[in-house]
Amino acid sequence: MVAIFADPSLDANYWPRFLMQLFIILVLVRIMGALLSLIKQPSVIGEIIAGVIIGPSVLGNINWWTNHIFPTSSWNYFTLVGNVGLILFMFNLGLELEQEKIRKQWKRSLPIAISTIIIPYASGIGLSYYLYDINNRDGFKAPDRVAFILFIASSMSFTAFPVLASILTSTKLLSAKIGSVTISCAAIDDIMAWCSLAIAGAFAKGSGIVGLWVVLISIGYIIFMFTIVKYTIKFIHSFLVKRDDEMNPFFLIGVFLMLIASAFFCEILGIHSFFGAFIAGIICPKSGRFNTELFPKLELVTGQLLLPLFFASSGMRTNLGSLNDSFYGGITVLIFAVATLAKFLPAFIMTKIMIRDTWKFSAAVGILMNTRGLVELIALNIGLQLNILSPRLFTMLIIMALVTTFMTCPLLWLVYLRTYKPDPPLLGNTSTSKVNFPTRSYLRTRLPSTRIHNISSNAPAITGRYNQPLRPTFSTISKY
């Protein structure tokens, strides 16, 4: 019989132990996700909390658990498998972005997006000068200062596009005016923040000169991907569509090989592989069966199996005991206050100037733009892997990301949803079938036997996969 609980340093039985750990994590993740869904929270918070329970903050204090069930030597396996989920998720996130609809919203969204990038970024730069010495305490090797400054500035700038899309979908606001504004701004913010994070990774892995060379090579790489590779894929895709063979297995394999090659190139270049996967997703076709069928299949495997391991491993490395000093608790509060106000105030003010709607509308946009969620958590894990963040500062930033995400739904309901009234339908609510007209209203018709799906719409939205009922409800938030 295999000795699952043998000496972990021998590493002879890592596979049965890994399967046991995988089972424990997935069960605990689902339990925590179900409990948090009762208070309308995204399940990513449950995944982090599950990791915190497994890690040194709770069960890690039990020697038998640490020595035999979850030895620290086994954490690297979760990081490895989780990174596979990470690049698939980033590919899916790029696949979800529709560039054409971002361009249609730029006049209204770009000024708001720029303000919610510049102010948090500048605030992060100022805060990083204070946090740099704190980060290097307790024998932690000091990272490159430029990399650290860029990383902290980037971490203050994120708005979690997937979590925001989930909140807007669950509250039936995605196709409303507030949905179009916030989702467009979040897409622009995340693209800019990921680019900044990629530059920070380049500086973290080399000197300033090397970092500049990496930036120049990265620009050439992006140009190459958005020209030659993109139009090659587009040509092949159009050819297969004409032959009614859009899901040709050789074409799909070619897309995945392109994804892996792009992630590999960015990794050896000194940028994290996530950026290559993100770019690969952006340049892929956004129409037809390729997008509508590939996205949910990847989302199922990534969201239900691989990504929970990534976030659980984040929780394992979160040691709440490192903040038992009141000084570090105060620093955590400072980080939270700077991150929240630097995002809320510019969004609130610029929305009022550009949209000229009610103060409640502007406040709701500011609240939604503070959603950091799993995108922020991914960025923080990258900082930990690149040795930019110490475990203590990583814990502080994790707490900030969780609290800002946790407070979004209750505040949104309190400020906006309680009094929100959707636009009235053109005809009465006679059926559950939905037809989206290119206006802000919805037309509902009764059909004898079929339900209409996938009708394109000019209603402002970045993602086109959501059928929106009329009234806003506060239903359970899905995975992202």
Protein backbone atom coordinates (compact mmCIF):
# COMPACT_ATOMS: atom_id res chain seq x y z
CA MET A 1 0.00 0.00 0.00
CA VAL A 2 1.28 3.47 -0.86
CA ALA A 3 2.38 5.40 2.21
CA ILE A 4 0.59 8.69 1.58
CA PHE A 5 1.70 10.12 4.93
CA ALA A 6 5.36 9.21 4.52
CA ASP A 7 8.20 11.65 5.05
CA PRO A 8 7.40 14.51 2.62
CA SER A 9 11.09 15.30 2.17
CA LEU A 10 11.50 12.01 0.29
CA ASP A 11 8.86 13.13 -2.20
CA ALA A 12 8.31 9.50 -3.21
CA ASN A 13 4.52 9.59 -2.94
CA TYR A 14 3.80 13.05 -4.23
CA TRP A 15 1.12 11.89 -6.70
CA PRO A 16 -1.30 10.16 -4.27
CA ARG A 17 -0.71 12.97 -1.79
CA PHE A 18 -1.44 15.56 -4.49
CA LEU A 19 -4.73 13.81 -5.38
CA MET A 20 -5.70 13.79 -1.71
CA GLN A 21 -4.82 17.49 -1.38
CA LEU A 22 -6.73 18.28 -4.59
CA PHE A 23 -9.83 16.57 -3.20
CA ILE A 24 -9.58 18.44 0.12
CA ILE A 25 -9.09 21.82 -1.57
CA LEU A 26 -11.94 21.43 -4.07
CA VAL A 27 -14.38 20.32 -1.36
CA LEU A 28 -13.36 23.16 0.95
CA VAL A 29 -13.50 25.68 -1.91
CA ARG A 30 -17.05 24.65 -2.81
CA ILE A 31 -18.19 24.83 0.82
CA MET A 32 -16.73 28.30 1.31
CA GLY A 33 -18.08 29.45 -2.05
CA ALA A 34 -21.58 28.24 -1.17
CA LEU A 35 -21.49 29.98 2.22
CA LEU A 36 -20.29 33.27 0.74
CA SER A 37 -22.88 33.12 -2.04
CA LEU A 38 -25.53 33.48 0.66
CA ILE A 39 -24.26 37.03 1.22
CA LYS A 40 -23.86 37.68 -2.52
CA GLN A 41 -20.07 37.40 -2.76
CA PRO A 42 -18.02 36.01 -5.68
CA SER A 43 -16.63 32.54 -5.06
CA VAL A 44 -13.05 33.69 -5.63
CA ILE A 45 -13.13 35.07 -2.07
CA GLY A 46 -14.13 31.60 -0.85
CA GLU A 47 -11.18 30.09 -2.70
CA ILE A 48 -8.76 32.46 -1.00
CA ILE A 49 -10.32 31.82 2.41
CA ALA A 50 -10.06 28.06 1.80
CA GLY A 51 -6.33 28.50 1.16
CA VAL A 52 -5.99 30.63 4.30
CA ILE A 53 -7.62 27.85 6.34
CA ILE A 54 -5.27 25.24 4.86
CA GLY A 55 -2.19 27.46 5.22
CA PRO A 56 -0.17 28.68 8.21
CA SER A 57 -2.89 31.01 9.50
CA VAL A 58 -5.20 28.19 10.70
CA LEU A 59 -4.54 24.46 10.11
CA GLY A 60 -0.87 25.09 9.39
CA ASN A 61 -0.39 25.60 13.13
CA ILE A 62 -1.03 21.86 13.61
CA ASN A 63 2.25 19.98 13.19
CA TRP A 64 0.69 16.74 11.93
CA TRP A 65 -1.21 18.66 9.25
CA THR A 66 1.92 20.54 8.14
CA ASN A 67 4.17 17.47 8.17
CA HIS A 68 1.89 14.92 6.53
CA ILE A 69 -1.18 16.44 4.83
CA PHE A 70 0.01 19.77 3.40
CA PRO A 71 3.79 19.96 3.73
CA THR A 72 5.23 23.18 2.37
CA SER A 73 7.27 21.15 -0.13
CA SER A 74 4.02 20.22 -1.91
CA TRP A 75 2.88 23.81 -2.47
CA ASN A 76 4.94 24.09 -5.64
CA TYR A 77 2.72 21.51 -7.34
CA PHE A 78 -0.31 23.73 -6.81
CA THR A 79 1.60 26.70 -8.15
CA LEU A 80 2.54 24.73 -11.26
CA VAL A 81 -0.98 23.48 -11.99
CA GLY A 82 -2.45 26.83 -11.00
CA ASN A 83 -0.19 28.63 -13.49
CA VAL A 84 -1.65 26.47 -16.27
CA GLY A 85 -5.07 27.64 -15.17
CA LEU A 86 -3.78 31.20 -15.07
CA ILE A 87 -2.63 31.33 -18.70
CA LEU A 88 -5.88 29.68 -19.83
CA PHE A 89 -7.85 32.24 -17.84
CA MET A 90 -5.87 35.14 -19.30
CA PHE A 91 -6.42 33.70 -22.78
CA ASN A 92 -10.15 33.52 -22.04
CA LEU A 93 -10.11 37.07 -20.72
CA GLY A 94 -8.52 38.29 -23.95
CA LEU A 95 -11.02 36.24 -25.92
CA GLU A 96 -13.83 37.97 -24.01
CA LEU A 97 -12.74 41.50 -24.90
CA GLU A 98 -14.43 42.88 -27.99
CA GLN A 99 -12.20 45.66 -29.33
CA GLU A 100 -14.82 47.03 -31.71
CA LYS A 101 -17.24 47.80 -28.92
CA ILE A 102 -14.50 49.38 -26.82
CA ARG A 103 -13.80 51.72 -29.73
CA LYS A 104 -17.49 52.64 -29.96
CA GLN A 105 -17.53 53.71 -26.31
CA TRP A 106 -14.22 55.56 -26.21
CA LYS A 107 -15.59 59.14 -26.22
CA ARG A 108 -17.58 58.51 -23.07
CA SER A 109 -15.40 55.94 -21.32
CA LEU A 110 -11.84 57.00 -22.16
CA PRO A 111 -11.72 60.15 -19.97
CA ILE A 112 -13.13 58.19 -17.01
CA ALA A 113 -10.75 55.29 -17.65
CA ILE A 114 -7.73 57.58 -17.89
CA SER A 115 -8.61 59.29 -14.60
CA THR A 116 -9.07 55.92 -12.86
CA ILE A 117 -5.64 54.84 -14.10
CA ILE A 118 -3.58 58.01 -13.59
CA ILE A 119 -4.75 58.90 -10.06
CA PRO A 120 -4.40 55.37 -8.60
CA TYR A 121 -1.11 54.92 -10.45
CA ALA A 122 0.30 58.18 -9.05
CA SER A 123 -0.99 57.28 -5.58
CA GLY A 124 0.69 53.88 -5.86
CA ILE A 125 3.99 55.49 -6.82
CA GLY A 126 3.84 57.75 -3.78
CA LEU A 127 2.88 54.88 -1.48
CA SER A 128 5.62 52.61 -2.87
CA TYR A 129 8.38 54.91 -1.57
CA TYR A 130 7.07 54.35 1.94
CA LEU A 131 6.41 50.63 1.52
CA TYR A 132 9.80 49.79 -0.03
CA ASP A 133 11.71 49.70 3.27
CA ILE A 134 8.84 47.91 5.01
CA ASN A 135 8.88 45.28 2.25
CA ASN A 136 12.58 44.59 2.83
CA ARG A 137 12.38 43.84 6.54
CA ASP A 138 13.06 40.49 8.24
CA GLY A 139 15.84 39.51 5.84
CA PHE A 140 13.80 39.76 2.63
CA LYS A 141 16.10 40.47 -0.33
CA ALA A 142 15.40 43.95 -1.67
CA PRO A 143 13.92 43.84 -5.19
CA ASP A 144 14.76 46.29 -7.95
CA ARG A 145 13.34 49.64 -6.82
CA VAL A 146 11.90 50.53 -10.24
CA ALA A 147 10.21 47.13 -10.47
CA PHE A 148 8.74 47.57 -6.98
CA ILE A 149 7.43 51.08 -7.73
CA LEU A 150 5.85 49.97 -11.02
CA PHE A 151 4.32 46.93 -9.38
CA ILE A 152 2.71 48.80 -6.47
CA ALA A 153 1.44 51.48 -8.87
CA SER A 154 -0.03 48.79 -11.14
CA SER A 155 -1.67 46.95 -8.23
CA MET A 156 -3.53 50.14 -7.27
CA SER A 157 -4.86 50.56 -10.82
CA PHE A 158 -6.68 47.28 -11.48
CA THR A 159 -10.42 46.89 -11.84
CA ALA A 160 -11.34 43.22 -12.12
CA PHE A 161 -13.01 42.94 -15.53
CA PRO A 162 -14.37 39.37 -15.00
CA VAL A 163 -15.70 40.01 -11.48
CA LEU A 164 -17.24 43.30 -12.61
CA ALA A 165 -18.92 41.56 -15.55
CA SER A 166 -20.31 38.98 -13.14
CA ILE A 167 -21.68 41.62 -10.76
CA LEU A 168 -23.27 43.60 -13.59
CA THR A 169 -24.79 40.41 -15.01
CA SER A 170 -26.21 39.23 -11.70
CA THR A 171 -27.72 42.67 -11.00
CA LYS A 172 -29.08 42.97 -14.56
CA LEU A 173 -27.08 46.11 -15.30
CA LEU A 174 -24.69 44.91 -18.00
CA SER A 175 -26.69 46.37 -20.90
CA ALA A 176 -27.74 49.47 -18.97
CA LYS A 177 -25.86 52.75 -19.26
CA ILE A 178 -23.93 52.17 -16.04
CA GLY A 179 -22.88 48.75 -17.31
CA SER A 180 -21.56 50.07 -20.60
CA VAL A 181 -19.56 52.80 -18.87
CA THR A 182 -17.97 50.69 -16.14
CA ILE A 183 -17.20 47.62 -18.25
CA SER A 184 -15.53 49.76 -20.93
CA CYS A 185 -13.45 51.59 -18.32
CA ALA A 186 -12.49 48.32 -16.63
CA ALA A 187 -11.31 46.84 -19.93
CA ILE A 188 -9.15 49.88 -20.70
CA ASP A 189 -7.79 50.03 -17.12
CA ASP A 190 -6.86 46.36 -17.07
CA ILE A 191 -5.07 46.47 -20.42
CA MET A 192 -2.97 49.43 -19.31
CA ALA A 193 -2.29 47.94 -15.87
CA TRP A 194 -1.23 44.57 -17.33
CA CYS A 195 1.20 46.35 -19.66
CA SER A 196 2.67 48.21 -16.70
CA LEU A 197 2.90 44.96 -14.73
CA ALA A 198 4.72 43.32 -17.63
CA ILE A 199 7.28 46.15 -17.61
CA ALA A 200 7.69 45.74 -13.83
CA GLY A 201 8.38 42.03 -14.38
CA ALA A 202 11.02 42.90 -16.94
CA PHE A 203 12.84 45.20 -14.50
CA ALA A 204 12.51 42.59 -11.74
CA LYS A 205 14.43 40.03 -13.79
CA GLY A 206 17.29 42.28 -14.90
CA SER A 207 18.97 45.65 -14.66
CA GLY A 208 17.45 48.89 -15.89
CA ILE A 209 19.18 48.56 -19.29
CA VAL A 210 17.96 45.01 -19.64
CA GLY A 211 14.49 46.16 -18.65
CA LEU A 212 14.47 48.83 -21.36
CA TRP A 213 15.60 46.29 -23.97
CA VAL A 214 12.82 43.97 -22.85
CA VAL A 215 10.30 46.80 -23.22
CA LEU A 216 11.48 47.52 -26.78
CA ILE A 217 11.39 43.83 -27.73
CA SER A 218 7.93 43.57 -26.15
CA ILE A 219 6.67 46.43 -28.33
CA GLY A 220 7.96 44.61 -31.41
CA TYR A 221 6.33 41.40 -30.18
CA ILE A 222 2.95 43.15 -29.72
CA ILE A 223 3.16 44.69 -33.19
CA PHE A 224 4.00 41.27 -34.67
CA MET A 225 1.07 39.63 -32.86
CA PHE A 226 -1.45 42.31 -33.85
CA THR A 227 -0.41 42.31 -37.50
CA ILE A 228 1.03 39.12 -38.97
CA VAL A 229 -0.34 36.60 -36.47
CA LYS A 230 -3.75 38.26 -36.11
CA TYR A 231 -4.42 38.55 -39.85
CA THR A 232 -3.12 35.03 -40.48
CA ILE A 233 -5.60 33.66 -37.95
CA LYS A 234 -8.34 35.87 -39.38
CA PHE A 235 -7.66 34.63 -42.93
CA ILE A 236 -7.70 30.97 -41.88
CA HIS A 237 -10.83 31.50 -39.78
CA SER A 238 -12.67 33.19 -42.68
CA PHE A 239 -11.67 30.37 -45.01
CA LEU A 240 -13.00 27.74 -42.59
CA VAL A 241 -16.24 29.66 -42.01
CA LYS A 242 -16.94 29.60 -45.76
CA ARG A 243 -16.43 25.83 -45.71
CA ASP A 244 -18.65 25.48 -42.61
CA ASP A 245 -15.69 23.93 -40.78
CA GLU A 246 -15.03 26.64 -38.22
CA MET A 247 -14.20 24.22 -35.39
CA ASN A 248 -11.63 22.32 -37.45
CA PRO A 249 -9.43 20.43 -34.93
CA PHE A 250 -6.22 21.41 -36.72
CA PHE A 251 -7.21 25.07 -36.51
CA LEU A 252 -7.98 24.75 -32.78
CA ILE A 253 -4.68 22.97 -32.16
CA GLY A 254 -2.92 25.74 -34.07
CA VAL A 255 -4.58 28.38 -31.86
CA PHE A 256 -3.48 26.57 -28.70
CA LEU A 257 0.05 26.18 -30.04
CA MET A 258 0.06 29.92 -30.72
CA LEU A 259 -1.14 30.49 -27.14
CA ILE A 260 1.63 28.32 -25.68
CA ALA A 261 4.29 29.87 -27.92
CA SER A 262 3.19 33.39 -26.98
CA ALA A 263 3.21 32.57 -23.26
CA PHE A 264 6.60 30.84 -23.60
CA PHE A 265 8.15 33.79 -25.44
CA CYS A 266 6.99 36.27 -22.82
CA GLU A 267 8.29 34.04 -20.02
CA ILE A 268 11.79 33.69 -21.46
CA LEU A 269 11.78 37.39 -22.36
CA GLY A 270 11.40 38.23 -18.70
CA ILE A 271 7.71 39.12 -18.77
CA HIS A 272 5.32 36.71 -17.07
CA SER A 273 3.64 34.17 -19.35
CA PHE A 274 0.21 35.61 -18.48
CA PHE A 275 0.84 38.57 -20.78
CA GLY A 276 1.51 36.37 -23.80
CA ALA A 277 -1.68 34.41 -23.11
CA PHE A 278 -3.67 37.63 -22.78
CA ILE A 279 -2.39 38.98 -26.11
CA ALA A 280 -3.11 35.61 -27.77
CA GLY A 281 -6.72 35.81 -26.62
CA ILE A 282 -7.20 39.39 -27.81
CA ILE A 283 -6.14 38.65 -31.41
CA CYS A 284 -8.41 35.61 -31.79
CA PRO A 285 -11.72 35.86 -33.74
CA LYS A 286 -14.62 37.33 -31.78
CA SER A 287 -17.46 36.01 -33.91
CA GLY A 288 -18.97 32.72 -34.91
CA ARG A 289 -18.82 29.32 -33.26
CA PHE A 290 -15.13 29.69 -32.44
CA ASN A 291 -15.87 32.28 -29.78
CA THR A 292 -19.25 31.09 -28.53
CA GLU A 293 -18.23 27.42 -28.19
CA LEU A 294 -14.58 27.65 -27.18
CA PHE A 295 -15.09 30.20 -24.39
CA PRO A 296 -17.52 28.20 -22.20
CA LYS A 297 -15.51 24.99 -22.60
CA LEU A 298 -12.32 26.65 -21.45
CA GLU A 299 -14.17 28.49 -18.71
CA LEU A 300 -15.53 25.23 -17.30
CA VAL A 301 -12.13 23.53 -16.93
CA THR A 302 -10.31 26.69 -15.89
CA GLY A 303 -12.88 28.09 -13.49
CA GLN A 304 -13.98 24.88 -11.80
CA LEU A 305 -10.69 22.99 -11.50
CA LEU A 306 -7.47 24.84 -12.29
CA LEU A 307 -7.96 28.42 -11.12
CA PRO A 308 -9.28 27.41 -7.65
CA LEU A 309 -5.89 25.74 -7.09
CA PHE A 310 -4.15 28.97 -8.03
CA PHE A 311 -6.15 31.02 -5.54
CA ALA A 312 -6.00 28.34 -2.85
CA SER A 313 -2.21 28.43 -3.15
CA SER A 314 -2.46 32.21 -2.68
CA GLY A 315 -4.30 31.64 0.57
CA MET A 316 -1.69 29.10 1.68
CA ARG A 317 0.97 31.79 1.37
CA THR A 318 -1.14 34.34 3.25
CA ASN A 319 0.02 34.38 6.85
CA LEU A 320 -2.32 36.55 8.91
CA GLY A 321 -0.07 35.99 11.90
CA SER A 322 2.54 38.24 10.29
CA LEU A 323 0.20 41.21 10.89
CA ASN A 324 -0.18 40.68 14.63
CA ASP A 325 1.75 43.89 15.25
CA SER A 326 -0.43 47.02 15.39
CA PHE A 327 2.08 48.82 13.17
CA TYR A 328 1.53 46.39 10.29
CA GLY A 329 -2.21 46.48 10.89
CA GLY A 330 -2.08 50.25 10.48
CA ILE A 331 -0.11 49.91 7.24
CA THR A 332 -2.80 47.54 5.94
CA VAL A 333 -5.49 50.13 6.71
CA LEU A 334 -3.40 52.81 4.97
CA ILE A 335 -3.05 50.65 1.83
CA PHE A 336 -6.79 49.98 1.81
CA ALA A 337 -7.66 53.69 2.22
CA VAL A 338 -5.29 54.85 -0.53
CA ALA A 339 -6.45 52.13 -2.95
CA THR A 340 -10.15 52.81 -2.33
CA LEU A 341 -10.13 56.62 -2.44
CA ALA A 342 -7.70 56.81 -5.39
CA LYS A 343 -10.12 54.72 -7.45
CA PHE A 344 -13.46 56.01 -6.19
CA LEU A 345 -12.90 59.78 -6.30
CA PRO A 346 -11.69 60.14 -9.92
CA ALA A 347 -14.39 57.75 -11.16
CA PHE A 348 -17.05 59.64 -9.19
CA ILE A 349 -15.97 63.10 -10.35
CA MET A 350 -15.25 62.27 -14.01
CA THR A 351 -18.48 60.32 -14.40
CA LYS A 352 -20.45 63.31 -13.16
CA ILE A 353 -18.62 65.58 -15.63
CA MET A 354 -18.82 63.27 -18.66
CA ILE A 355 -22.17 61.49 -18.21
CA ARG A 356 -24.08 64.28 -16.43
CA ASP A 357 -26.29 61.82 -14.61
CA THR A 358 -27.35 61.75 -10.95
CA TRP A 359 -24.91 61.75 -8.04
CA LYS A 360 -26.07 58.22 -7.19
CA PHE A 361 -25.14 57.09 -10.69
CA SER A 362 -21.67 58.61 -10.37
CA ALA A 363 -21.18 57.08 -6.91
CA ALA A 364 -22.24 53.67 -8.24
CA VAL A 365 -19.62 53.89 -11.00
CA GLY A 366 -16.99 54.71 -8.39
CA ILE A 367 -18.06 51.74 -6.28
CA LEU A 368 -17.97 49.35 -9.24
CA MET A 369 -14.55 50.58 -10.37
CA ASN A 370 -13.19 49.59 -6.94
CA THR A 371 -13.86 45.93 -7.69
CA ARG A 372 -10.42 44.31 -7.81
CA GLY A 373 -11.21 40.64 -7.33
CA LEU A 374 -9.26 37.86 -8.98
CA VAL A 375 -7.37 40.09 -11.45
CA GLU A 376 -5.69 41.86 -8.53
CA LEU A 377 -5.05 38.52 -6.82
CA ILE A 378 -3.38 37.18 -9.96
CA ALA A 379 -1.17 40.26 -10.13
CA LEU A 380 -0.20 39.92 -6.46
CA ASN A 381 0.72 36.28 -6.92
CA ILE A 382 2.93 37.23 -9.84
CA GLY A 383 4.65 39.79 -7.61
CA LEU A 384 5.25 37.09 -5.02
CA GLN A 385 6.62 34.66 -7.61
CA LEU A 386 8.98 37.32 -8.99
CA ASN A 387 10.23 38.09 -5.44
CA ILE A 388 9.04 41.69 -5.71
CA LEU A 389 6.72 41.35 -2.71
CA SER A 390 7.65 39.98 0.68
CA PRO A 391 5.16 37.52 2.24
CA ARG A 392 4.09 40.19 4.77
CA LEU A 393 3.36 42.90 2.19
CA PHE A 394 1.71 40.26 -0.01
CA THR A 395 -0.67 39.50 2.88
CA MET A 396 -1.48 43.20 3.32
CA LEU A 397 -2.32 43.62 -0.37
CA ILE A 398 -4.36 40.40 -0.41
CA ILE A 399 -6.49 41.76 2.43
CA MET A 400 -6.97 45.04 0.52
CA ALA A 401 -8.06 43.17 -2.63
CA LEU A 402 -10.50 40.95 -0.74
CA VAL A 403 -12.10 43.78 1.26
CA THR A 404 -12.55 46.08 -1.76
CA THR A 405 -14.20 43.23 -3.67
CA PHE A 406 -16.29 42.13 -0.67
CA MET A 407 -17.79 45.58 -0.11
CA THR A 408 -18.82 46.21 -3.75
CA CYS A 409 -22.20 44.44 -3.82
CA PRO A 410 -23.55 45.71 -0.47
CA LEU A 411 -22.53 49.30 -1.26
CA LEU A 412 -23.92 49.09 -4.80
CA TRP A 413 -27.26 47.91 -3.45
CA LEU A 414 -27.30 50.58 -0.76
CA VAL A 415 -26.37 53.48 -3.06
CA TYR A 416 -27.93 52.60 -6.42
CA LEU A 417 -29.92 49.40 -6.83
CA ARG A 418 -32.53 50.16 -4.16
CA THR A 419 -33.94 53.02 -6.23
CA TYR A 420 -32.86 51.94 -9.72
CA LYS A 421 -35.64 51.68 -12.31
CA PRO A 422 -34.88 50.11 -15.71
CA ASP A 423 -36.15 51.59 -18.95
CA PRO A 424 -39.68 50.35 -19.74
CA PRO A 425 -40.09 47.77 -22.52
CA LEU A 426 -41.51 48.76 -25.89
CA LEU A 427 -44.22 46.11 -25.50
CA GLY A 428 -45.54 44.38 -22.44
CA ASN A 429 -43.75 41.56 -20.72
CA THR A 430 -45.61 38.86 -22.59
CA SER A 431 -43.00 36.14 -22.71
CA THR A 432 -39.53 35.17 -21.64
CA SER A 433 -38.19 35.45 -25.16
CA LYS A 434 -35.88 38.39 -25.70
CA VAL A 435 -34.97 40.42 -28.75
CA ASN A 436 -32.40 43.18 -28.31
CA PHE A 437 -33.03 46.28 -30.39
CA PRO A 438 -30.32 48.90 -30.93
CA THR A 439 -31.79 51.11 -28.22
CA ARG A 440 -31.69 51.15 -24.45
CA SER A 441 -35.06 49.39 -24.26
CA TYR A 442 -35.95 45.74 -24.72
CA LEU A 443 -38.67 44.22 -26.86
CA ARG A 444 -40.31 41.03 -25.67
CA THR A 445 -42.43 38.95 -28.04
CA ARG A 446 -44.28 35.69 -27.85
CA LEU A 447 -43.02 33.02 -30.24
CA PRO A 448 -44.84 29.74 -30.83
CA SER A 449 -42.08 27.24 -30.12
CA THR A 450 -38.58 28.68 -30.25
CA ARG A 451 -36.54 31.12 -28.21
CA ILE A 452 -34.40 33.61 -30.03
CA HIS A 453 -30.73 33.58 -29.09
CA ASN A 454 -27.58 35.38 -30.10
CA ILE A 455 -29.26 38.37 -31.69
CA SER A 456 -26.58 41.00 -32.07
CA SER A 457 -27.13 44.35 -30.48
CA ASN A 458 -25.75 47.82 -30.74
CA ALA A 459 -26.54 48.34 -27.07
CA PRO A 460 -23.26 49.34 -25.44
CA ALA A 461 -21.57 46.34 -23.90
CA ILE A 462 -18.20 44.68 -24.08
CA THR A 463 -19.35 41.13 -23.61
CA GLY A 464 -22.13 39.79 -25.80
CA ARG A 465 -23.07 36.56 -24.06
CA TYR A 466 -25.63 37.76 -21.54
CA ASN A 467 -29.41 37.89 -21.98
CA GLN A 468 -30.67 40.50 -19.56
CA PRO A 469 -34.03 40.27 -17.77
CA LEU A 470 -35.75 43.54 -17.04
CA ARG A 471 -35.65 44.08 -13.33
CA PRO A 472 -32.48 44.24 -11.26
CA THR A 473 -32.23 41.42 -8.74
CA PHE A 474 -29.52 40.60 -6.29
CA SER A 475 -28.98 36.98 -7.32
CA THR A 476 -25.98 34.85 -6.61
CA ILE A 477 -22.79 36.01 -8.24
CA SER A 478 -21.19 33.42 -10.50
CA LYS A 479 -17.59 32.32 -10.66
CA TYR A 480 -16.13 35.49 -12.10
